[in-house]
Amino acid sequence: SGLTSVAIPDSVTSIGRSAFNNCRSLTSVTIPDSVTNIEPSVFSGCSGLTRVTIPCSVTNIGSSAFYNCSGLTRVTIPDSVTNIEPYAFSGCNGLVAFDISSGNTFYKSESGILLTKDGKTLVLVPSGLTIVAIPCGVTNIGAYAFYNCRSLTSVTIPDSVTSIGDCAFSG
């Protein structure tokens, strides 16, 4: 519970499920370029984390990887990430933006919202936003896209939206 920072060496290629679960005092973590997959729940409940930069080697961010990291305000996602599983950033009530590398061929960010690269699917809304205007051209609101967005007071859905995924507004 007193762990405040972690520098994981380059020799580590995998960080196991829930490895740092509920390390609430953890404010800083350096994930080495040798890690390719962020396992489910690895940093779940690390409420002291304020910013995370995912290394260029990571292709997958597991379910609930950063669940309830309430201090997290920004997340930088590199070109290499091709899959972000459900709940990966759910409950991050301070999160106001996803910064997506311009070279990422799977995702992009518009007004801090995570979208598929073609802009047709809204993948995830940062939990800390209070007002969301879904960009025109979005046709699908993904499953759990607004999950646990407890600060949300207003959502504008454009006429282009034709489907809303399971539990999109749950929580």
C-alpha atoms as a PDB file:
ATOM      1  CA  SER A   1       0.000   0.000   0.000  1.00  0.00           C
ATOM      2  CA  GLY A   2       2.992   2.341   0.410  1.00  0.00           C
ATOM      3  CA  LEU A   3       4.450   1.769  -3.059  1.00  0.00           C
ATOM      4  CA  THR A   4       4.756   5.175  -4.787  1.00  0.00           C
ATOM      5  CA  SER A   5       6.742   4.474  -7.972  1.00  0.00           C
ATOM      6  CA  VAL A   6       7.799   1.552 -10.107  1.00  0.00           C
ATOM      7  CA  ALA A   7      10.510   1.346 -12.745  1.00  0.00           C
ATOM      8  CA  ILE A   8      10.067  -1.965 -14.499  1.00  0.00           C
ATOM      9  CA  PRO A   9      13.311  -3.154 -16.142  1.00  0.00           C
ATOM     10  CA  ASP A  10      13.650  -3.830 -19.876  1.00  0.00           C
ATOM     11  CA  SER A  11      14.070  -7.544 -19.160  1.00  0.00           C
ATOM     12  CA  VAL A  12      10.337  -7.779 -18.275  1.00  0.00           C
ATOM     13  CA  THR A  13       8.163  -8.802 -21.218  1.00  0.00           C
ATOM     14  CA  SER A  14       4.924  -9.436 -19.366  1.00  0.00           C
ATOM     15  CA  ILE A  15       3.262  -7.946 -16.301  1.00  0.00           C
ATOM     16  CA  GLY A  16       0.766 -10.420 -14.839  1.00  0.00           C
ATOM     17  CA  ARG A  17      -2.927  -9.875 -14.278  1.00  0.00           C
ATOM     18  CA  SER A  18      -3.647  -7.613 -11.266  1.00  0.00           C
ATOM     19  CA  ALA A  19       0.091  -7.244 -10.491  1.00  0.00           C
ATOM     20  CA  PHE A  20      -0.316  -3.737  -9.047  1.00  0.00           C
ATOM     21  CA  ASN A  21      -4.028  -3.972  -8.242  1.00  0.00           C
ATOM     22  CA  ASN A  22      -5.088  -1.409  -5.595  1.00  0.00           C
ATOM     23  CA  CYS A  23      -1.636   0.144  -5.108  1.00  0.00           C
ATOM     24  CA  ARG A  24      -3.384   3.408  -4.239  1.00  0.00           C
ATOM     25  CA  SER A  25      -0.169   5.313  -3.433  1.00  0.00           C
ATOM     26  CA  LEU A  26       1.415   4.498  -6.789  1.00  0.00           C
ATOM     27  CA  THR A  27       1.869   7.821  -8.617  1.00  0.00           C
ATOM     28  CA  SER A  28       4.477   6.905 -11.209  1.00  0.00           C
ATOM     29  CA  VAL A  29       5.114   3.848 -13.337  1.00  0.00           C
ATOM     30  CA  THR A  30       7.497   3.337 -16.232  1.00  0.00           C
ATOM     31  CA  ILE A  31       6.449   0.519 -18.535  1.00  0.00           C
ATOM     32  CA  PRO A  32       9.423  -0.659 -20.629  1.00  0.00           C
ATOM     33  CA  ASP A  33       9.368  -1.100 -24.401  1.00  0.00           C
ATOM     34  CA  SER A  34       9.801  -4.847 -23.873  1.00  0.00           C
ATOM     35  CA  VAL A  35       6.154  -5.184 -22.726  1.00  0.00           C
ATOM     36  CA  THR A  36       3.711  -5.952 -25.566  1.00  0.00           C
ATOM     37  CA  ASN A  37       0.497  -6.618 -23.660  1.00  0.00           C
ATOM     38  CA  ILE A  38      -0.990  -4.816 -20.675  1.00  0.00           C
ATOM     39  CA  GLU A  39      -2.857  -7.615 -18.934  1.00  0.00           C
ATOM     40  CA  PRO A  40      -6.326  -7.224 -17.405  1.00  0.00           C
ATOM     41  CA  SER A  41      -6.529  -5.312 -14.106  1.00  0.00           C
ATOM     42  CA  VAL A  42      -2.744  -4.681 -13.924  1.00  0.00           C
ATOM     43  CA  PHE A  43      -3.143  -1.169 -12.502  1.00  0.00           C
ATOM     44  CA  SER A  44      -6.778  -1.444 -11.418  1.00  0.00           C
ATOM     45  CA  GLY A  45      -7.496   0.729  -8.376  1.00  0.00           C
ATOM     46  CA  CYS A  46      -4.213   2.674  -8.570  1.00  0.00           C
ATOM     47  CA  SER A  47      -5.982   5.926  -7.728  1.00  0.00           C
ATOM     48  CA  GLY A  48      -2.698   7.853  -7.327  1.00  0.00           C
ATOM     49  CA  LEU A  49      -1.669   7.501 -10.994  1.00  0.00           C
ATOM     50  CA  THR A  50      -2.160  10.815 -12.795  1.00  0.00           C
ATOM     51  CA  ARG A  51      -0.818  10.189 -16.299  1.00  0.00           C
ATOM     52  CA  VAL A  52       0.103   7.070 -18.254  1.00  0.00           C
ATOM     53  CA  THR A  53       2.136   6.807 -21.428  1.00  0.00           C
ATOM     54  CA  ILE A  54       1.795   3.427 -23.058  1.00  0.00           C
ATOM     55  CA  PRO A  55       5.080   2.338 -24.703  1.00  0.00           C
ATOM     56  CA  CYS A  56       5.322   1.821 -28.467  1.00  0.00           C
ATOM     57  CA  SER A  57       5.684  -1.942 -28.022  1.00  0.00           C
ATOM     58  CA  VAL A  58       2.191  -2.485 -26.557  1.00  0.00           C
ATOM     59  CA  THR A  59      -0.476  -3.814 -28.941  1.00  0.00           C
ATOM     60  CA  ASN A  60      -3.229  -4.712 -26.460  1.00  0.00           C
ATOM     61  CA  ILE A  61      -4.644  -3.007 -23.366  1.00  0.00           C
ATOM     62  CA  GLY A  62      -6.563  -5.573 -21.326  1.00  0.00           C
ATOM     63  CA  SER A  63      -9.953  -5.349 -19.711  1.00  0.00           C
ATOM     64  CA  SER A  64      -9.975  -3.189 -16.566  1.00  0.00           C
ATOM     65  CA  ALA A  65      -6.231  -2.542 -16.953  1.00  0.00           C
ATOM     66  CA  PHE A  66      -6.631   0.937 -15.431  1.00  0.00           C
ATOM     67  CA  TYR A  67     -10.077   0.476 -13.870  1.00  0.00           C
ATOM     68  CA  ASN A  68     -10.831   2.994 -11.082  1.00  0.00           C
ATOM     69  CA  CYS A  69      -7.560   4.910 -11.514  1.00  0.00           C
ATOM     70  CA  SER A  70      -9.434   8.005 -10.380  1.00  0.00           C
ATOM     71  CA  GLY A  71      -6.353  10.279 -10.411  1.00  0.00           C
ATOM     72  CA  LEU A  72      -5.647   9.565 -14.077  1.00  0.00           C
ATOM     73  CA  THR A  73      -6.251  12.689 -16.179  1.00  0.00           C
ATOM     74  CA  ARG A  74      -4.630  11.850 -19.550  1.00  0.00           C
ATOM     75  CA  VAL A  75      -3.616   8.705 -21.384  1.00  0.00           C
ATOM     76  CA  THR A  76      -1.234   8.622 -24.342  1.00  0.00           C
ATOM     77  CA  ILE A  77      -1.776   5.710 -26.719  1.00  0.00           C
ATOM     78  CA  PRO A  78       0.915   4.988 -29.344  1.00  0.00           C
ATOM     79  CA  ASP A  79       0.743   3.769 -32.957  1.00  0.00           C
ATOM     80  CA  SER A  80       1.219   0.147 -31.899  1.00  0.00           C
ATOM     81  CA  VAL A  81      -2.037  -0.304 -29.937  1.00  0.00           C
ATOM     82  CA  THR A  82      -4.528  -2.275 -32.032  1.00  0.00           C
ATOM     83  CA  ASN A  83      -6.947  -3.404 -29.314  1.00  0.00           C
ATOM     84  CA  ILE A  84      -8.388  -1.762 -26.218  1.00  0.00           C
ATOM     85  CA  GLU A  85     -10.599  -4.164 -24.290  1.00  0.00           C
ATOM     86  CA  PRO A  86     -13.813  -3.173 -22.468  1.00  0.00           C
ATOM     87  CA  TYR A  87     -13.499  -1.386 -19.141  1.00  0.00           C
ATOM     88  CA  ALA A  88      -9.796  -0.680 -19.755  1.00  0.00           C
ATOM     89  CA  PHE A  89     -10.220   2.882 -18.437  1.00  0.00           C
ATOM     90  CA  SER A  90     -13.627   2.657 -16.742  1.00  0.00           C
ATOM     91  CA  GLY A  91     -14.040   4.484 -13.472  1.00  0.00           C
ATOM     92  CA  CYS A  92     -11.185   6.880 -14.225  1.00  0.00           C
ATOM     93  CA  ASN A  93     -13.273   9.820 -13.048  1.00  0.00           C
ATOM     94  CA  GLY A  94     -10.483  12.367 -13.561  1.00  0.00           C
ATOM     95  CA  LEU A  95      -9.800  11.265 -17.140  1.00  0.00           C
ATOM     96  CA  VAL A  96     -10.649  14.037 -19.598  1.00  0.00           C
ATOM     97  CA  ALA A  97      -8.783  13.028 -22.766  1.00  0.00           C
ATOM     98  CA  PHE A  98      -7.173  10.260 -24.740  1.00  0.00           C
ATOM     99  CA  ASP A  99      -4.092  11.362 -26.695  1.00  0.00           C
ATOM    100  CA  ILE A 100      -3.730   9.047 -29.691  1.00  0.00           C
ATOM    101  CA  SER A 101      -0.575   9.042 -31.772  1.00  0.00           C
ATOM    102  CA  SER A 102      -1.363  10.296 -35.280  1.00  0.00           C
ATOM    103  CA  GLY A 103       0.209   7.184 -36.796  1.00  0.00           C
ATOM    104  CA  ASN A 104      -2.178   4.789 -35.042  1.00  0.00           C
ATOM    105  CA  THR A 105      -4.126   2.978 -37.767  1.00  0.00           C
ATOM    106  CA  PHE A 106      -6.875   1.646 -35.459  1.00  0.00           C
ATOM    107  CA  TYR A 107      -7.822   4.597 -33.242  1.00  0.00           C
ATOM    108  CA  LYS A 108      -8.014   8.374 -33.177  1.00  0.00           C
ATOM    109  CA  SER A 109      -9.120  10.987 -30.674  1.00  0.00           C
ATOM    110  CA  GLU A 110     -11.517  13.834 -31.297  1.00  0.00           C
ATOM    111  CA  SER A 111     -12.232  16.246 -28.432  1.00  0.00           C
ATOM    112  CA  GLY A 112     -10.537  13.676 -26.195  1.00  0.00           C
ATOM    113  CA  ILE A 113     -13.021  10.930 -27.148  1.00  0.00           C
ATOM    114  CA  LEU A 114     -11.654   7.590 -28.381  1.00  0.00           C
ATOM    115  CA  LEU A 115     -12.932   6.661 -31.862  1.00  0.00           C
ATOM    116  CA  THR A 116     -12.065   4.056 -34.448  1.00  0.00           C
ATOM    117  CA  LYS A 117      -9.713   5.479 -37.069  1.00  0.00           C
ATOM    118  CA  ASP A 118     -12.520   5.800 -39.640  1.00  0.00           C
ATOM    119  CA  GLY A 119     -14.523   7.836 -37.102  1.00  0.00           C
ATOM    120  CA  LYS A 120     -17.574   5.605 -37.403  1.00  0.00           C
ATOM    121  CA  THR A 121     -17.484   3.981 -33.949  1.00  0.00           C
ATOM    122  CA  LEU A 122     -17.271   5.772 -30.647  1.00  0.00           C
ATOM    123  CA  VAL A 123     -15.148   3.381 -28.565  1.00  0.00           C
ATOM    124  CA  LEU A 124     -14.786   5.120 -25.215  1.00  0.00           C
ATOM    125  CA  VAL A 125     -15.569   8.426 -23.556  1.00  0.00           C
ATOM    126  CA  PRO A 126     -13.257   9.660 -20.776  1.00  0.00           C
ATOM    127  CA  SER A 127     -15.136   9.278 -17.471  1.00  0.00           C
ATOM    128  CA  GLY A 128     -14.254  12.802 -16.346  1.00  0.00           C
ATOM    129  CA  LEU A 129     -16.140  14.617 -19.103  1.00  0.00           C
ATOM    130  CA  THR A 130     -19.369  16.376 -18.179  1.00  0.00           C
ATOM    131  CA  ILE A 131     -20.598  17.339 -21.655  1.00  0.00           C
ATOM    132  CA  VAL A 132     -20.133  15.248 -24.797  1.00  0.00           C
ATOM    133  CA  ALA A 133     -21.057  16.136 -28.351  1.00  0.00           C
ATOM    134  CA  ILE A 134     -20.587  13.001 -30.413  1.00  0.00           C
ATOM    135  CA  PRO A 135     -18.914  13.963 -33.717  1.00  0.00           C
ATOM    136  CA  CYS A 136     -20.986  13.892 -36.890  1.00  0.00           C
ATOM    137  CA  GLY A 137     -20.215  10.792 -38.924  1.00  0.00           C
ATOM    138  CA  VAL A 138     -20.247   8.438 -35.941  1.00  0.00           C
ATOM    139  CA  THR A 139     -22.689   5.632 -36.780  1.00  0.00           C
ATOM    140  CA  ASN A 140     -22.128   3.325 -33.823  1.00  0.00           C
ATOM    141  CA  ILE A 141     -21.794   3.960 -30.104  1.00  0.00           C
ATOM    142  CA  GLY A 142     -19.815   0.966 -28.889  1.00  0.00           C
ATOM    143  CA  ALA A 143     -20.680  -1.333 -26.007  1.00  0.00           C
ATOM    144  CA  TYR A 144     -19.819   0.255 -22.647  1.00  0.00           C
ATOM    145  CA  ALA A 145     -18.655   3.448 -24.407  1.00  0.00           C
ATOM    146  CA  PHE A 146     -19.996   5.684 -21.602  1.00  0.00           C
ATOM    147  CA  TYR A 147     -19.647   3.097 -18.825  1.00  0.00           C
ATOM    148  CA  ASN A 148     -19.340   4.749 -15.384  1.00  0.00           C
ATOM    149  CA  CYS A 149     -19.306   8.303 -16.780  1.00  0.00           C
ATOM    150  CA  ARG A 150     -20.821   9.543 -13.518  1.00  0.00           C
ATOM    151  CA  SER A 151     -19.982  13.225 -14.108  1.00  0.00           C
ATOM    152  CA  LEU A 152     -21.845  13.295 -17.412  1.00  0.00           C
ATOM    153  CA  THR A 153     -24.675  15.822 -17.567  1.00  0.00           C
ATOM    154  CA  SER A 154     -25.294  16.135 -21.316  1.00  0.00           C
ATOM    155  CA  VAL A 155     -24.793  14.038 -24.461  1.00  0.00           C
ATOM    156  CA  THR A 156     -25.593  15.219 -27.973  1.00  0.00           C
ATOM    157  CA  ILE A 157     -26.108  12.320 -30.376  1.00  0.00           C
ATOM    158  CA  PRO A 158     -25.996  13.218 -34.095  1.00  0.00           C
ATOM    159  CA  ASP A 159     -28.483  11.874 -36.647  1.00  0.00           C
ATOM    160  CA  SER A 160     -25.679   9.773 -38.169  1.00  0.00           C
ATOM    161  CA  VAL A 161     -25.840   7.313 -35.217  1.00  0.00           C
ATOM    162  CA  THR A 162     -27.747   4.175 -36.193  1.00  0.00           C
ATOM    163  CA  SER A 163     -26.826   1.798 -33.359  1.00  0.00           C
ATOM    164  CA  ILE A 164     -26.035   1.947 -29.660  1.00  0.00           C
ATOM    165  CA  GLY A 165     -24.103  -0.987 -28.188  1.00  0.00           C
ATOM    166  CA  ASP A 166     -24.930  -3.073 -25.148  1.00  0.00           C
ATOM    167  CA  CYS A 167     -24.686  -1.230 -21.851  1.00  0.00           C
ATOM    168  CA  ALA A 168     -23.352   1.853 -23.668  1.00  0.00           C
ATOM    169  CA  PHE A 169     -24.594   4.171 -20.913  1.00  0.00           C
ATOM    170  CA  SER A 170     -24.417   1.715 -18.010  1.00  0.00           C
ATOM    171  CA  GLY A 171     -23.335   3.119 -14.666  1.00  0.00           C
END
